[in-house]
Each structure stands twice: as structure tokens, then as C-alpha cells.
Amino acid sequence: MSTTNTSGPAFPTNDGCYNGMTLRDYFAAKAMQAILSDPAYVLPDEKLAVFAYYVADTMLEAREQ
């Protein structure tokens, strides 16, 4: 899985300025939110971000198909 493909900005503006998060970051944040909402969540905290970005990368790959 490529961690360099961020797929650009999550919230681009019409004026070309962009200082926000990437689509990869947005997907990872949403994945993390969903993971933490599960009462059966048992992963150690240090693994949470890694797993959230794994999910985000998988989502980005699915968009390319």
C-alpha cells in the first residue's frame, strides 16, 4: 500500500489556497472515529493510528478501481 498517495486536499478551495488536511488524513480520521465508537474495540492505543491509516489507504485504493 502506498503511503505517499494522499489524493490531494480533502476540502479544496476555489481560490487555489489550501492549508488543510489531505483526503488520506480525512479518511483516517473518519476510520478512527468509527473504530473508537465500537464498544468491542480492543486494539492498544499505539496501534489505532496505524490501523486508521491502513483503512484510509485501502479506501484510496478502492477509489482508483
C-alpha atoms as a PDB file:
ATOM      1  CA  MET A   1       0.000   0.000   0.000  1.00  0.00           C
ATOM      2  CA  SER A   2       1.300   3.424  -0.902  1.00  0.00           C
ATOM      3  CA  THR A   3       1.514   5.911   1.924  1.00  0.00           C
ATOM      4  CA  THR A   4       2.643   8.689  -0.417  1.00  0.00           C
ATOM      5  CA  ASN A   5      -0.696   8.941  -2.255  1.00  0.00           C
ATOM      6  CA  THR A   6      -2.643  11.473  -0.222  1.00  0.00           C
ATOM      7  CA  SER A   7      -5.147  12.011  -3.048  1.00  0.00           C
ATOM      8  CA  GLY A   8      -4.921  15.759  -2.637  1.00  0.00           C
ATOM      9  CA  PRO A   9      -6.816  18.080  -0.327  1.00  0.00           C
ATOM     10  CA  ALA A  10      -9.943  16.918   1.468  1.00  0.00           C
ATOM     11  CA  PHE A  11     -11.533  20.360   1.232  1.00  0.00           C
ATOM     12  CA  PRO A  12     -10.067  22.276  -1.717  1.00  0.00           C
ATOM     13  CA  THR A  13     -10.982  25.916  -2.224  1.00  0.00           C
ATOM     14  CA  ASN A  14     -11.817  27.743  -5.445  1.00  0.00           C
ATOM     15  CA  ASP A  15      -9.032  30.285  -4.968  1.00  0.00           C
ATOM     16  CA  GLY A  16      -6.282  27.646  -5.101  1.00  0.00           C
ATOM     17  CA  CYS A  17      -5.246  28.162  -1.482  1.00  0.00           C
ATOM     18  CA  TYR A  18      -5.063  25.055   0.598  1.00  0.00           C
ATOM     19  CA  ASN A  19      -3.837  24.682   4.150  1.00  0.00           C
ATOM     20  CA  GLY A  20      -5.996  21.821   5.379  1.00  0.00           C
ATOM     21  CA  MET A  21      -5.853  18.083   5.670  1.00  0.00           C
ATOM     22  CA  THR A  22      -5.401  15.646   2.829  1.00  0.00           C
ATOM     23  CA  LEU A  23      -8.100  13.247   1.757  1.00  0.00           C
ATOM     24  CA  ARG A  24      -5.974  10.461   3.290  1.00  0.00           C
ATOM     25  CA  ASP A  25      -5.967  12.276   6.647  1.00  0.00           C
ATOM     26  CA  TYR A  26      -9.727  12.819   6.422  1.00  0.00           C
ATOM     27  CA  PHE A  27     -10.361   9.145   5.690  1.00  0.00           C
ATOM     28  CA  ALA A  28      -8.067   8.123   8.569  1.00  0.00           C
ATOM     29  CA  ALA A  29      -9.886  10.457  10.973  1.00  0.00           C
ATOM     30  CA  LYS A  30     -13.256   9.028   9.954  1.00  0.00           C
ATOM     31  CA  ALA A  31     -11.932   5.477  10.294  1.00  0.00           C
ATOM     32  CA  MET A  32     -10.543   6.273  13.745  1.00  0.00           C
ATOM     33  CA  GLN A  33     -13.898   7.721  14.793  1.00  0.00           C
ATOM     34  CA  ALA A  34     -15.685   4.564  13.666  1.00  0.00           C
ATOM     35  CA  ILE A  35     -13.142   2.283  15.347  1.00  0.00           C
ATOM     36  CA  LEU A  36     -13.445   4.108  18.671  1.00  0.00           C
ATOM     37  CA  SER A  37     -17.247   4.007  18.537  1.00  0.00           C
ATOM     38  CA  ASP A  38     -17.156   0.200  18.697  1.00  0.00           C
ATOM     39  CA  PRO A  39     -17.621  -0.944  22.310  1.00  0.00           C
ATOM     40  CA  ALA A  40     -15.656  -4.092  21.471  1.00  0.00           C
ATOM     41  CA  TYR A  41     -12.565  -2.063  20.452  1.00  0.00           C
ATOM     42  CA  VAL A  42      -9.544  -3.854  21.906  1.00  0.00           C
ATOM     43  CA  LEU A  43      -6.507  -2.613  19.972  1.00  0.00           C
ATOM     44  CA  PRO A  44      -3.788  -0.932  22.025  1.00  0.00           C
ATOM     45  CA  ASP A  45      -3.887   2.850  21.587  1.00  0.00           C
ATOM     46  CA  GLU A  46      -0.487   2.930  19.888  1.00  0.00           C
ATOM     47  CA  LYS A  47      -1.886   0.748  17.084  1.00  0.00           C
ATOM     48  CA  LEU A  48      -5.011   2.847  16.491  1.00  0.00           C
ATOM     49  CA  ALA A  49      -3.495   5.459  14.186  1.00  0.00           C
ATOM     50  CA  VAL A  50      -1.593   2.835  12.202  1.00  0.00           C
ATOM     51  CA  PHE A  51      -4.791   0.873  11.642  1.00  0.00           C
ATOM     52  CA  ALA A  52      -6.784   4.019  10.793  1.00  0.00           C
ATOM     53  CA  TYR A  53      -4.253   4.928   8.085  1.00  0.00           C
ATOM     54  CA  TYR A  54      -4.338   1.348   6.802  1.00  0.00           C
ATOM     55  CA  VAL A  55      -8.105   1.734   6.365  1.00  0.00           C
ATOM     56  CA  ALA A  56      -7.605   5.147   4.719  1.00  0.00           C
ATOM     57  CA  ASP A  57      -5.055   3.721   2.271  1.00  0.00           C
ATOM     58  CA  THR A  58      -7.452   0.897   1.428  1.00  0.00           C
ATOM     59  CA  MET A  59     -10.207   3.438   0.781  1.00  0.00           C
ATOM     60  CA  LEU A  60      -7.917   5.435  -1.522  1.00  0.00           C
ATOM     61  CA  GLU A  61      -7.018   2.278  -3.442  1.00  0.00           C
ATOM     62  CA  ALA A  62     -10.722   1.449  -3.851  1.00  0.00           C
ATOM     63  CA  ARG A  63     -11.302   4.882  -5.393  1.00  0.00           C
ATOM     64  CA  GLU A  64      -8.760   4.069  -8.118  1.00  0.00           C
ATOM     65  CA  GLN A  65     -10.602   0.954  -9.302  1.00  0.00           C
END
